[in-house]
Amino acid sequence: MARDEDRVERSLCRWCLAAIAAAVLCFAAATVWATLNQDEGWYLYAARQVLQGRLPHRDFFFTQGLGFPVFYALFAWFWSPMGVLGGRLLTALISLTAIFVSAETVARSCRKLADAWCARLLLWSFLGLNLWYVSFTTIPKTYALCALWLALGFRALATIRDARGVLPPWAAASGFCLTMAAGARLSMGVALPVAGLWLLVKRDWIGRRVWIWFALGGAAGLFLAAGVDFLLWPEAFKEMLAFHAARESVGWLGIPGSLARLFRHNPLLTACLLLLGYLRATGKPALKAPGARSGFVGLWLACAAALGAVHLAVPVPYDDYQAPTVFLLAMAGASAFCALPFESLRLALVRGIALAALCVTVAGSPVLEQWVCQGKDRLWVRWRAEPELFALRRAAAVVREALDRHGCPNVLLTQDAYLAVEADAALPEGYEMGPFMPPQEGIPAGVAVAAWSGYAFAMDFPSLSRRPEPARNVALRRWRDAFPETLAVLPGFGQGATELTIAFRPEAAAGRAAFHSCPQCAPTRKDEP
């Protein structure tokens, strides 16, 4: 019997290692092939600004807390020389670390080693072998960092009680980490009170002191995540909150649409959760295997439900907002599945889920189709000649060459912030968040190179609704008149696959006096159209 158990454990270990290797390959592919997103530009640019001593909210408008730009500024030595690709590599490493930590947390809830390997294999299958999740936690948005803070917070929470007894400092670490997730993305703040209520319910198991430590850690994190903003820059903090409240709503139909896309991209996790829910509702024999410990499943489900409700309640419930929710649901599903008593059937299903993940959520994922084609033109598929990241690099090379050849100030006038990041150029003041900022009147002095795509002046601030075409054309005409020399035109560029125009203003490059002003920090004049 012991020999059979050893053989099962070794088999599951090999399957898990294979799943991890496949997940690493998926993340590696996403760093190159994932479609460009406007958000990754202004997130990475904000991190570079922090590195130069400028802070979000104090020096420029920003729609989230300080967590992301400060964290990425600390690792700018790694990602910044590589531009957007470097930002993606760092984000992928953060996401892989979050999955690893959460897999170990779920495995900790299993008493048998074979069950622990099952839990790890399931979690890597649900997350690492899901191109939807991989893509959104590879491009530099907040989701990977949020997942890391959540993973660390729940890992600390699971360590509160061990063979040595109750260890209250781990509760403080958990409260701090869960609050730092809110510093990266405001909506994540709901996880802290849910975890705090769970600890109150469990106080007979862990003692009242633990809750106090948890509250102290949460208070320290809350001060760093939001208190600094509110105390030092209250008006900017209120402006940030007002921006989120002012978004134009898509109406109640956005909720079923968002859920439909979420289920489509997470079919295996959805099926697993539905099966577990059915077994729970029908009271099928002994949902829990002898000796299994699944006490944290309820906490993860409660946090996932709270996060999901918050993200569905926003004016525009994009499905990618639910990436942290899927992260928590994967933890709960893996832990609950491995607590089922049907051991031989469970082992077969776990292996089957891993194989199905490779076929369904990798090879059959709609995300993979987006990576390699741009839709259809009647009967013909428009295949991509290259990843969008390569097109961004070609555009950045044109910008960089123009700035270097003519001795221009290192400033690029554009609303495509990822182009400035890739070209290692500064943006004029007021353009730090690309199209997600109030419109700027006039053209900053001394700027010789500009670039505009279909995103330029396309949105009204702060609702981000479609700007009337006449108003957009007036703003674009101002730029075209100010930058008459076209350097390059790239069709199908960037998010939305619009046309990118890179243009040059010779008189700005010729005026040597302009070289000594810093349009990013203090524009000295505005050129009238």
Protein backbone atom coordinates (compact mmCIF):
# COMPACT_ATOMS: atom_id res chain seq x y z
CA MET A 1 0.00 0.00 0.00
CA ALA A 2 2.79 2.44 0.88
CA ARG A 3 4.49 1.60 -2.40
CA ASP A 4 1.31 2.39 -4.33
CA GLU A 5 0.98 5.71 -2.52
CA ASP A 6 4.57 6.61 -3.35
CA ARG A 7 3.98 5.80 -7.00
CA VAL A 8 0.87 8.02 -7.08
CA GLU A 9 2.74 10.86 -5.39
CA ARG A 10 5.65 10.66 -7.84
CA SER A 11 3.24 10.58 -10.77
CA LEU A 12 1.35 13.62 -9.52
CA CYS A 13 4.61 15.43 -8.85
CA ARG A 14 5.69 14.89 -12.47
CA TRP A 15 2.32 16.06 -13.74
CA CYS A 16 2.55 19.18 -11.58
CA LEU A 17 6.07 20.00 -12.77
CA ALA A 18 4.92 19.56 -16.37
CA ALA A 19 2.00 21.91 -15.74
CA ILE A 20 4.35 24.50 -14.23
CA ALA A 21 6.67 24.25 -17.24
CA ALA A 22 3.70 24.66 -19.61
CA ALA A 23 2.50 27.66 -17.58
CA VAL A 24 5.94 29.29 -17.83
CA LEU A 25 5.80 28.82 -21.60
CA CYS A 26 2.34 30.43 -21.69
CA PHE A 27 3.61 33.45 -19.76
CA ALA A 28 6.68 33.67 -21.99
CA ALA A 29 4.44 33.67 -25.08
CA ALA A 30 2.20 36.33 -23.52
CA THR A 31 5.12 38.69 -22.90
CA VAL A 32 5.64 38.85 -26.68
CA TRP A 33 2.26 38.08 -28.24
CA ALA A 34 -0.24 39.69 -25.85
CA THR A 35 -2.06 42.55 -27.58
CA LEU A 36 -1.09 46.07 -26.58
CA ASN A 37 -3.18 47.87 -23.98
CA GLN A 38 -3.24 51.60 -23.31
CA ASP A 39 -3.13 50.96 -19.57
CA GLU A 40 0.30 49.35 -19.60
CA GLY A 41 1.74 52.53 -21.06
CA TRP A 42 0.61 54.93 -18.40
CA TYR A 43 1.20 52.46 -15.55
CA LEU A 44 4.82 51.97 -16.59
CA TYR A 45 5.26 55.68 -17.31
CA ALA A 46 3.98 56.49 -13.80
CA ALA A 47 6.62 54.13 -12.37
CA ARG A 48 9.35 55.96 -14.31
CA GLN A 49 8.04 59.27 -12.98
CA VAL A 50 8.33 57.98 -9.42
CA LEU A 51 11.92 57.02 -10.17
CA GLN A 52 12.54 60.65 -11.19
CA GLY A 53 11.05 62.04 -7.99
CA ARG A 54 7.56 62.86 -9.25
CA LEU A 55 4.60 61.28 -7.46
CA PRO A 56 1.10 60.40 -8.66
CA HIS A 57 -1.63 62.72 -7.33
CA ARG A 58 0.92 65.28 -6.15
CA ASP A 59 2.56 65.93 -9.53
CA PHE A 60 0.22 64.34 -12.08
CA PHE A 61 -3.20 62.77 -12.34
CA PHE A 62 -3.44 59.03 -11.67
CA THR A 63 -6.48 56.79 -11.26
CA GLN A 64 -5.16 54.28 -8.69
CA GLY A 65 -3.14 54.37 -5.48
CA LEU A 66 0.60 54.60 -5.09
CA GLY A 67 1.12 50.84 -4.84
CA PHE A 68 1.79 49.99 -8.48
CA PRO A 69 4.09 52.88 -9.53
CA VAL A 70 6.14 52.73 -6.33
CA PHE A 71 6.54 48.93 -6.53
CA TYR A 72 7.55 49.03 -10.20
CA ALA A 73 9.89 51.97 -9.58
CA LEU A 74 11.78 49.78 -7.10
CA PHE A 75 12.43 47.27 -9.90
CA ALA A 76 12.98 49.80 -12.68
CA TRP A 77 16.62 48.66 -12.90
CA PHE A 78 15.26 45.36 -14.24
CA TRP A 79 12.42 46.31 -16.58
CA SER A 80 13.02 49.91 -17.67
CA PRO A 81 15.97 49.27 -20.07
CA MET A 82 13.75 46.83 -22.00
CA GLY A 83 10.73 49.15 -22.20
CA VAL A 84 7.29 47.57 -22.41
CA LEU A 85 8.78 44.08 -22.82
CA GLY A 86 10.64 44.56 -19.54
CA GLY A 87 7.44 45.64 -17.82
CA ARG A 88 5.73 42.53 -19.11
CA LEU A 89 8.56 40.27 -17.96
CA LEU A 90 8.42 41.71 -14.44
CA THR A 91 4.62 41.40 -14.36
CA ALA A 92 4.80 37.78 -15.52
CA LEU A 93 7.32 36.98 -12.78
CA ILE A 94 5.03 38.59 -10.20
CA SER A 95 2.08 36.55 -11.45
CA LEU A 96 4.05 33.29 -11.45
CA THR A 97 5.18 34.01 -7.89
CA ALA A 98 1.58 34.67 -6.84
CA ILE A 99 0.42 31.34 -8.33
CA PHE A 100 3.30 29.50 -6.64
CA VAL A 101 2.55 31.04 -3.22
CA SER A 102 -1.18 30.35 -3.51
CA ALA A 103 -0.52 26.76 -4.64
CA GLU A 104 1.57 26.18 -1.53
CA THR A 105 -1.17 27.74 0.61
CA VAL A 106 -3.79 25.41 -0.86
CA ALA A 107 -1.48 22.41 -0.53
CA ARG A 108 -1.06 23.27 3.14
CA SER A 109 -4.76 22.52 3.66
CA CYS A 110 -4.23 18.88 2.58
CA ARG A 111 -3.04 16.27 5.04
CA LYS A 112 -1.95 13.67 2.45
CA LEU A 113 0.96 14.42 0.14
CA ALA A 114 -0.92 13.08 -2.89
CA ASP A 115 -3.80 15.49 -2.19
CA ALA A 116 -1.33 18.37 -1.87
CA TRP A 117 0.09 17.58 -5.32
CA CYS A 118 -3.47 17.39 -6.66
CA ALA A 119 -4.20 20.85 -5.28
CA ARG A 120 -1.05 22.31 -6.82
CA LEU A 121 -1.81 20.70 -10.18
CA LEU A 122 -5.37 22.04 -10.16
CA LEU A 123 -4.31 25.58 -9.31
CA TRP A 124 -1.65 25.69 -12.01
CA SER A 125 -4.21 24.31 -14.46
CA PHE A 126 -6.88 26.86 -13.55
CA LEU A 127 -4.53 29.87 -13.66
CA GLY A 128 -1.22 29.12 -15.37
CA LEU A 129 -2.86 27.17 -18.22
CA ASN A 130 -5.53 29.79 -18.91
CA LEU A 131 -4.45 32.29 -21.58
CA TRP A 132 -7.12 34.76 -20.49
CA TYR A 133 -5.69 34.95 -16.97
CA VAL A 134 -2.11 34.69 -18.21
CA SER A 135 -2.59 37.56 -20.66
CA PHE A 136 -4.13 39.96 -18.17
CA THR A 137 -1.51 39.18 -15.53
CA THR A 138 1.36 39.59 -17.99
CA ILE A 139 0.59 43.02 -19.42
CA PRO A 140 1.51 45.63 -16.80
CA LYS A 141 -1.87 46.21 -15.19
CA THR A 142 -2.55 45.91 -11.47
CA TYR A 143 -3.93 42.37 -11.49
CA ALA A 144 -0.65 40.48 -11.06
CA LEU A 145 0.45 42.71 -8.18
CA CYS A 146 -2.97 42.38 -6.54
CA ALA A 147 -2.75 38.59 -6.86
CA LEU A 148 0.69 38.62 -5.22
CA TRP A 149 -0.51 40.68 -2.25
CA LEU A 150 -3.60 38.46 -1.89
CA ALA A 151 -1.45 35.31 -2.07
CA LEU A 152 0.95 36.64 0.57
CA GLY A 153 -1.92 37.82 2.77
CA PHE A 154 -3.70 34.47 2.77
CA ARG A 155 -0.42 32.59 3.12
CA ALA A 156 0.26 34.57 6.29
CA LEU A 157 -3.30 33.95 7.46
CA ALA A 158 -2.87 30.20 6.97
CA THR A 159 0.31 30.33 9.07
CA ILE A 160 -1.33 31.92 12.11
CA ARG A 161 -1.82 28.54 13.73
CA ASP A 162 0.66 25.69 13.34
CA ALA A 163 2.29 23.00 15.48
CA ARG A 164 3.85 25.69 17.68
CA GLY A 165 0.44 27.18 18.51
CA VAL A 166 -1.02 30.57 17.58
CA LEU A 167 1.40 33.12 16.08
CA PRO A 168 -0.31 36.57 16.15
CA PRO A 169 2.40 38.47 14.17
CA TRP A 170 1.39 36.50 11.09
CA ALA A 171 -2.06 38.06 11.45
CA ALA A 172 -0.50 41.52 11.30
CA ALA A 173 1.42 40.52 8.18
CA SER A 174 -1.81 39.24 6.63
CA GLY A 175 -3.69 42.46 7.34
CA PHE A 176 -0.84 44.51 5.92
CA CYS A 177 -0.60 42.48 2.70
CA LEU A 178 -4.36 42.49 2.07
CA THR A 179 -4.43 46.26 2.49
CA MET A 180 -1.47 46.74 0.16
CA ALA A 181 -3.54 45.01 -2.52
CA ALA A 182 -5.92 47.97 -2.18
CA GLY A 183 -2.95 50.28 -2.66
CA ALA A 184 -2.40 48.70 -6.06
CA ARG A 185 -6.09 48.72 -7.01
CA LEU A 186 -8.74 50.56 -5.00
CA SER A 187 -11.46 47.94 -5.38
CA MET A 188 -9.30 45.35 -3.60
CA GLY A 189 -10.01 47.15 -0.34
CA VAL A 190 -13.07 44.95 0.15
CA ALA A 191 -10.88 41.90 0.90
CA LEU A 192 -9.66 43.33 4.23
CA PRO A 193 -13.04 43.67 5.99
CA VAL A 194 -14.16 40.26 4.69
CA ALA A 195 -11.04 38.63 6.14
CA GLY A 196 -11.49 40.60 9.37
CA LEU A 197 -15.07 39.35 9.77
CA TRP A 198 -13.89 35.80 9.12
CA LEU A 199 -11.32 36.13 11.89
CA LEU A 200 -14.02 37.38 14.26
CA VAL A 201 -16.09 34.29 13.50
CA LYS A 202 -13.02 32.10 14.10
CA ARG A 203 -11.91 33.88 17.27
CA ASP A 204 -12.70 30.83 19.43
CA TRP A 205 -10.20 28.86 17.31
CA ILE A 206 -7.41 31.42 17.16
CA GLY A 207 -8.14 33.78 20.04
CA ARG A 208 -9.10 37.46 20.24
CA ARG A 209 -5.50 38.73 20.22
CA VAL A 210 -5.08 37.58 16.64
CA TRP A 211 -7.85 39.88 15.44
CA ILE A 212 -6.18 42.86 17.14
CA TRP A 213 -2.88 42.06 15.42
CA PHE A 214 -4.71 41.71 12.11
CA ALA A 215 -6.37 45.10 12.61
CA LEU A 216 -3.03 46.74 13.45
CA GLY A 217 -1.40 45.33 10.32
CA GLY A 218 -4.38 46.43 8.25
CA ALA A 219 -4.24 49.93 9.74
CA ALA A 220 -0.54 50.25 8.88
CA GLY A 221 -1.20 49.12 5.33
CA LEU A 222 -4.21 51.41 5.03
CA PHE A 223 -2.11 54.39 6.01
CA LEU A 224 0.47 53.60 3.33
CA ALA A 225 -2.08 52.59 0.69
CA ALA A 226 -4.59 55.43 1.05
CA GLY A 227 -3.83 57.52 4.12
CA VAL A 228 -0.77 59.20 2.61
CA ASP A 229 -2.81 60.20 -0.43
CA PHE A 230 -5.73 61.49 1.60
CA LEU A 231 -3.68 63.40 4.17
CA LEU A 232 -1.09 64.97 1.88
CA TRP A 233 -3.13 65.49 -1.30
CA PRO A 234 -6.82 65.41 -0.31
CA GLU A 235 -8.03 67.27 -3.39
CA ALA A 236 -6.14 64.97 -5.75
CA PHE A 237 -7.48 61.94 -3.85
CA LYS A 238 -11.04 63.22 -4.19
CA GLU A 239 -10.43 63.92 -7.89
CA MET A 240 -9.32 60.33 -8.36
CA LEU A 241 -12.47 58.99 -6.70
CA ALA A 242 -14.62 61.41 -8.69
CA PHE A 243 -13.09 60.11 -11.92
CA HIS A 244 -14.22 56.56 -11.17
CA ALA A 245 -17.71 57.75 -10.21
CA ALA A 246 -18.06 59.85 -13.38
CA ARG A 247 -17.58 57.02 -15.88
CA GLU A 248 -20.45 56.71 -18.31
CA SER A 249 -22.39 53.54 -17.47
CA VAL A 250 -23.15 50.86 -20.05
CA GLY A 251 -26.32 49.92 -18.14
CA TRP A 252 -27.42 46.71 -16.48
CA LEU A 253 -26.77 44.64 -19.62
CA GLY A 254 -23.06 45.07 -18.96
CA ILE A 255 -23.35 42.60 -16.05
CA PRO A 256 -24.58 39.52 -17.96
CA GLY A 257 -22.22 40.41 -20.79
CA SER A 258 -19.28 40.53 -18.43
CA LEU A 259 -20.27 37.24 -16.78
CA ALA A 260 -20.71 35.55 -20.16
CA ARG A 261 -17.18 36.51 -21.20
CA LEU A 262 -15.86 35.44 -17.81
CA PHE A 263 -17.44 31.98 -18.08
CA ARG A 264 -16.27 31.61 -21.68
CA HIS A 265 -12.66 32.26 -20.70
CA ASN A 266 -12.77 30.06 -17.55
CA PRO A 267 -14.77 26.96 -18.56
CA LEU A 268 -12.88 24.41 -16.47
CA LEU A 269 -12.94 26.43 -13.28
CA THR A 270 -16.65 27.14 -13.85
CA ALA A 271 -17.40 23.43 -14.32
CA CYS A 272 -15.42 22.52 -11.21
CA LEU A 273 -17.23 25.09 -9.06
CA LEU A 274 -20.63 24.03 -10.42
CA LEU A 275 -19.85 20.38 -9.60
CA LEU A 276 -18.80 21.29 -6.08
CA GLY A 277 -21.88 23.45 -5.65
CA TYR A 278 -24.11 20.62 -6.84
CA LEU A 279 -22.54 18.16 -4.40
CA ARG A 280 -22.92 20.68 -1.60
CA ALA A 281 -26.55 21.47 -2.42
CA THR A 282 -27.63 17.83 -2.80
CA GLY A 283 -25.71 16.63 0.23
CA LYS A 284 -24.04 13.85 -1.68
CA PRO A 285 -22.05 11.50 0.54
CA ALA A 286 -19.38 13.08 2.67
CA LEU A 287 -18.22 16.07 0.76
CA LYS A 288 -15.12 16.05 2.88
CA ALA A 289 -12.44 13.39 2.76
CA PRO A 290 -11.35 11.97 6.12
CA GLY A 291 -8.74 14.23 7.65
CA ALA A 292 -9.10 16.98 5.02
CA ARG A 293 -8.77 20.59 6.14
CA SER A 294 -10.67 23.09 4.03
CA GLY A 295 -11.42 25.82 6.56
CA PHE A 296 -10.21 28.61 4.30
CA VAL A 297 -12.48 27.74 1.38
CA GLY A 298 -15.32 29.78 2.86
CA LEU A 299 -13.02 32.79 3.31
CA TRP A 300 -11.75 32.64 -0.28
CA LEU A 301 -15.29 32.26 -1.62
CA ALA A 302 -16.52 35.18 0.49
CA CYS A 303 -13.67 37.42 -0.70
CA ALA A 304 -14.27 36.34 -4.30
CA ALA A 305 -17.98 37.10 -4.00
CA ALA A 306 -17.30 40.53 -2.52
CA LEU A 307 -14.71 41.40 -5.18
CA GLY A 308 -16.93 40.09 -7.95
CA ALA A 309 -19.89 42.16 -6.74
CA VAL A 310 -17.77 45.33 -6.53
CA HIS A 311 -16.38 44.86 -10.04
CA LEU A 312 -19.82 44.09 -11.49
CA ALA A 313 -21.25 47.22 -9.88
CA VAL A 314 -18.85 49.64 -11.62
CA PRO A 315 -20.19 51.68 -14.57
CA VAL A 316 -18.28 49.56 -17.12
CA PRO A 317 -17.81 45.97 -15.79
CA TYR A 318 -14.97 44.77 -17.98
CA ASP A 319 -14.39 41.04 -17.58
CA ASP A 320 -10.65 41.53 -16.92
CA TYR A 321 -11.57 43.35 -13.69
CA GLN A 322 -12.46 39.89 -12.39
CA ALA A 323 -8.91 38.50 -12.69
CA PRO A 324 -8.36 38.75 -8.88
CA THR A 325 -11.78 37.16 -8.36
CA VAL A 326 -10.81 34.22 -10.58
CA PHE A 327 -7.55 33.94 -8.61
CA LEU A 328 -9.50 33.46 -5.36
CA LEU A 329 -12.07 31.14 -6.94
CA ALA A 330 -9.23 28.96 -8.23
CA MET A 331 -7.83 28.68 -4.70
CA ALA A 332 -11.24 27.77 -3.30
CA GLY A 333 -12.02 25.30 -6.10
CA ALA A 334 -8.68 23.51 -5.86
CA SER A 335 -8.89 23.18 -2.08
CA ALA A 336 -12.52 22.01 -2.06
CA PHE A 337 -12.00 19.56 -4.93
CA CYS A 338 -9.10 17.91 -3.17
CA ALA A 339 -11.26 17.44 -0.08
CA LEU A 340 -13.65 15.13 -1.98
CA PRO A 341 -13.61 11.56 -0.64
CA PHE A 342 -13.55 9.76 -4.01
CA GLU A 343 -9.79 9.31 -4.12
CA SER A 344 -9.24 7.23 -7.26
CA LEU A 345 -11.83 9.19 -9.26
CA ARG A 346 -10.40 12.47 -7.96
CA LEU A 347 -6.88 11.60 -9.11
CA ALA A 348 -8.12 10.72 -12.59
CA LEU A 349 -10.16 13.92 -12.83
CA VAL A 350 -7.22 16.08 -11.76
CA ARG A 351 -5.07 14.67 -14.55
CA GLY A 352 -7.96 15.08 -16.97
CA ILE A 353 -8.44 18.73 -15.97
CA ALA A 354 -4.75 19.44 -16.62
CA LEU A 355 -4.98 17.94 -20.10
CA ALA A 356 -8.27 19.70 -20.77
CA ALA A 357 -6.68 23.00 -19.77
CA LEU A 358 -4.02 22.57 -22.46
CA CYS A 359 -6.70 21.82 -25.06
CA VAL A 360 -9.45 24.25 -24.03
CA THR A 361 -8.00 27.25 -22.21
CA VAL A 362 -4.70 27.31 -24.13
CA ALA A 363 -5.06 25.87 -27.63
CA GLY A 364 -8.79 26.66 -27.82
CA SER A 365 -8.73 30.02 -26.08
CA PRO A 366 -10.25 33.07 -27.86
CA VAL A 367 -7.23 34.97 -26.56
CA LEU A 368 -4.90 32.89 -28.73
CA GLU A 369 -6.98 33.85 -31.76
CA GLN A 370 -6.63 37.54 -30.85
CA TRP A 371 -2.86 37.13 -30.65
CA VAL A 372 -2.48 35.80 -34.18
CA CYS A 373 -5.23 37.58 -36.17
CA GLN A 374 -7.15 40.86 -36.30
CA GLY A 375 -10.54 39.44 -37.22
CA LYS A 376 -11.88 38.83 -40.73
CA ASP A 377 -12.43 40.85 -43.87
CA ARG A 378 -15.42 39.10 -45.43
CA LEU A 379 -14.04 35.62 -46.23
CA TRP A 380 -10.43 36.36 -45.42
CA VAL A 381 -8.75 36.21 -42.03
CA ARG A 382 -6.46 39.16 -41.33
CA TRP A 383 -3.42 37.35 -39.92
CA ARG A 384 -0.90 39.36 -37.94
CA ALA A 385 2.46 39.66 -39.67
CA GLU A 386 4.13 40.17 -36.27
CA PRO A 387 3.24 40.63 -32.60
CA GLU A 388 1.89 44.07 -31.72
CA LEU A 389 4.89 44.56 -29.45
CA PHE A 390 7.20 44.39 -32.48
CA ALA A 391 5.15 47.08 -34.26
CA LEU A 392 5.46 49.22 -31.12
CA ARG A 393 9.23 48.77 -31.20
CA ARG A 394 9.39 49.81 -34.86
CA ALA A 395 7.36 52.93 -34.11
CA ALA A 396 9.55 53.72 -31.10
CA ALA A 397 12.67 53.36 -33.26
CA VAL A 398 11.31 56.04 -35.63
CA VAL A 399 10.64 58.37 -32.69
CA ARG A 400 14.03 57.69 -31.13
CA GLU A 401 15.86 58.29 -34.41
CA ALA A 402 14.08 61.63 -34.94
CA LEU A 403 14.86 62.79 -31.40
CA ASP A 404 18.52 61.79 -31.65
CA ARG A 405 19.19 62.94 -35.23
CA HIS A 406 17.90 66.48 -34.74
CA GLY A 407 19.10 66.99 -31.18
CA CYS A 408 15.53 67.52 -29.98
CA PRO A 409 14.49 67.65 -26.35
CA ASN A 410 13.71 64.13 -25.19
CA VAL A 411 9.96 64.78 -25.24
CA LEU A 412 7.30 63.06 -27.32
CA LEU A 413 3.86 64.61 -27.70
CA THR A 414 1.42 61.69 -27.79
CA GLN A 415 -1.56 60.17 -26.05
CA ASP A 416 -0.16 56.66 -26.60
CA ALA A 417 1.90 56.45 -23.42
CA TYR A 418 3.33 53.02 -24.25
CA LEU A 419 5.05 54.59 -27.25
CA ALA A 420 6.82 57.07 -24.97
CA VAL A 421 7.84 54.23 -22.62
CA GLU A 422 9.22 52.18 -25.49
CA ALA A 423 11.06 55.16 -27.01
CA ASP A 424 12.44 56.15 -23.58
CA ALA A 425 11.00 59.63 -24.06
CA ALA A 426 9.23 61.99 -21.68
CA LEU A 427 5.64 63.12 -22.08
CA PRO A 428 4.63 66.78 -21.74
CA GLU A 429 2.93 67.69 -18.50
CA GLY A 430 -0.73 66.73 -18.65
CA TYR A 431 -0.23 63.71 -20.93
CA GLU A 432 0.93 61.18 -18.31
CA MET A 433 -2.22 59.05 -18.63
CA GLY A 434 -2.68 59.32 -22.37
CA PRO A 435 -6.32 59.58 -23.45
CA PHE A 436 -7.57 59.19 -19.87
CA MET A 437 -6.83 62.80 -18.91
CA PRO A 438 -8.49 66.20 -19.33
CA PRO A 439 -7.82 67.63 -22.82
CA GLN A 440 -4.81 69.94 -23.02
CA GLU A 441 -5.14 73.21 -24.95
CA GLY A 442 -2.38 74.26 -27.29
CA ILE A 443 0.90 72.52 -27.99
CA PRO A 444 3.80 72.62 -25.50
CA ALA A 445 6.79 74.68 -26.55
CA GLY A 446 9.95 73.00 -27.76
CA VAL A 447 8.35 69.68 -28.68
CA ALA A 448 9.58 68.54 -32.10
CA VAL A 449 8.09 65.04 -32.45
CA ALA A 450 4.44 64.00 -32.09
CA ALA A 451 2.52 60.77 -32.63
CA TRP A 452 -1.21 60.21 -32.78
CA SER A 453 -3.36 57.13 -33.30
CA GLY A 454 -7.09 56.48 -33.32
CA TYR A 455 -7.11 56.98 -29.55
CA ALA A 456 -6.03 60.65 -29.83
CA PHE A 457 -8.83 62.94 -28.63
CA ALA A 458 -11.36 60.13 -29.06
CA MET A 459 -12.71 60.31 -25.48
CA ASP A 460 -14.38 62.95 -23.39
CA PHE A 461 -13.05 63.31 -19.85
CA PRO A 462 -14.03 62.08 -17.27
CA SER A 463 -16.94 60.02 -18.65
CA LEU A 464 -14.65 58.48 -21.32
CA SER A 465 -17.62 58.57 -23.67
CA ARG A 466 -17.14 58.98 -27.42
CA ARG A 467 -16.11 62.53 -28.29
CA PRO A 468 -18.12 64.13 -31.11
CA GLU A 469 -16.28 63.77 -34.41
CA PRO A 470 -16.14 67.54 -35.17
CA ALA A 471 -14.46 68.31 -31.84
CA ARG A 472 -12.00 65.45 -32.33
CA ASN A 473 -11.15 66.63 -35.85
CA VAL A 474 -10.44 70.17 -34.62
CA ALA A 475 -7.94 68.87 -32.06
CA LEU A 476 -6.30 66.55 -34.58
CA ARG A 477 -6.05 69.34 -37.15
CA ARG A 478 -4.16 71.42 -34.61
CA TRP A 479 -1.56 68.69 -34.26
CA ARG A 480 -1.34 68.05 -38.00
CA ASP A 481 -0.80 71.75 -38.71
CA ALA A 482 1.84 72.06 -35.98
CA PHE A 483 3.75 68.94 -37.13
CA PRO A 484 3.69 69.11 -40.94
CA GLU A 485 6.49 66.64 -41.73
CA THR A 486 5.27 63.03 -41.59
CA LEU A 487 7.93 60.55 -40.56
CA ALA A 488 5.94 57.32 -40.63
CA VAL A 489 2.40 55.97 -40.87
CA LEU A 490 1.68 52.56 -39.33
CA PRO A 491 -1.72 50.98 -40.05
CA GLY A 492 -3.33 48.60 -37.56
CA PHE A 493 -1.26 49.88 -34.64
CA GLY A 494 -1.73 49.26 -30.95
CA GLN A 495 -4.92 48.76 -28.98
CA GLY A 496 -7.84 49.00 -31.34
CA ALA A 497 -5.61 48.45 -34.41
CA THR A 498 -5.86 52.09 -35.56
CA GLU A 499 -3.53 54.11 -37.76
CA LEU A 500 -0.50 55.68 -36.07
CA THR A 501 1.09 58.82 -37.53
CA ILE A 502 4.51 60.00 -36.38
CA ALA A 503 5.29 63.59 -37.39
CA PHE A 504 8.03 66.18 -36.97
CA ARG A 505 8.18 69.94 -36.47
CA PRO A 506 11.47 71.25 -37.94
CA GLU A 507 11.24 74.73 -36.43
CA ALA A 508 11.09 73.31 -32.90
CA ALA A 509 14.24 71.28 -33.50
CA ALA A 510 15.98 74.30 -35.04
CA GLY A 511 15.27 76.62 -32.13
CA ARG A 512 18.17 75.99 -29.79
CA ALA A 513 16.63 78.11 -27.04
CA ALA A 514 13.86 75.60 -26.77
CA PHE A 515 16.36 72.89 -25.84
CA HIS A 516 16.95 74.49 -22.46
CA SER A 517 13.30 74.48 -21.38
CA CYS A 518 11.65 71.39 -19.95
CA PRO A 519 8.18 71.02 -21.44
CA GLN A 520 7.52 68.10 -19.14
CA CYS A 521 7.91 70.14 -15.99
CA ALA A 522 7.25 73.76 -16.92
CA PRO A 523 6.11 74.66 -20.45
CA THR A 524 7.10 78.28 -21.07
CA ARG A 525 4.61 79.03 -23.82
CA LYS A 526 1.92 77.49 -26.01
CA ASP A 527 1.98 77.52 -29.80
CA GLU A 528 -1.35 78.62 -31.14
CA PRO A 529 -2.88 76.53 -33.93
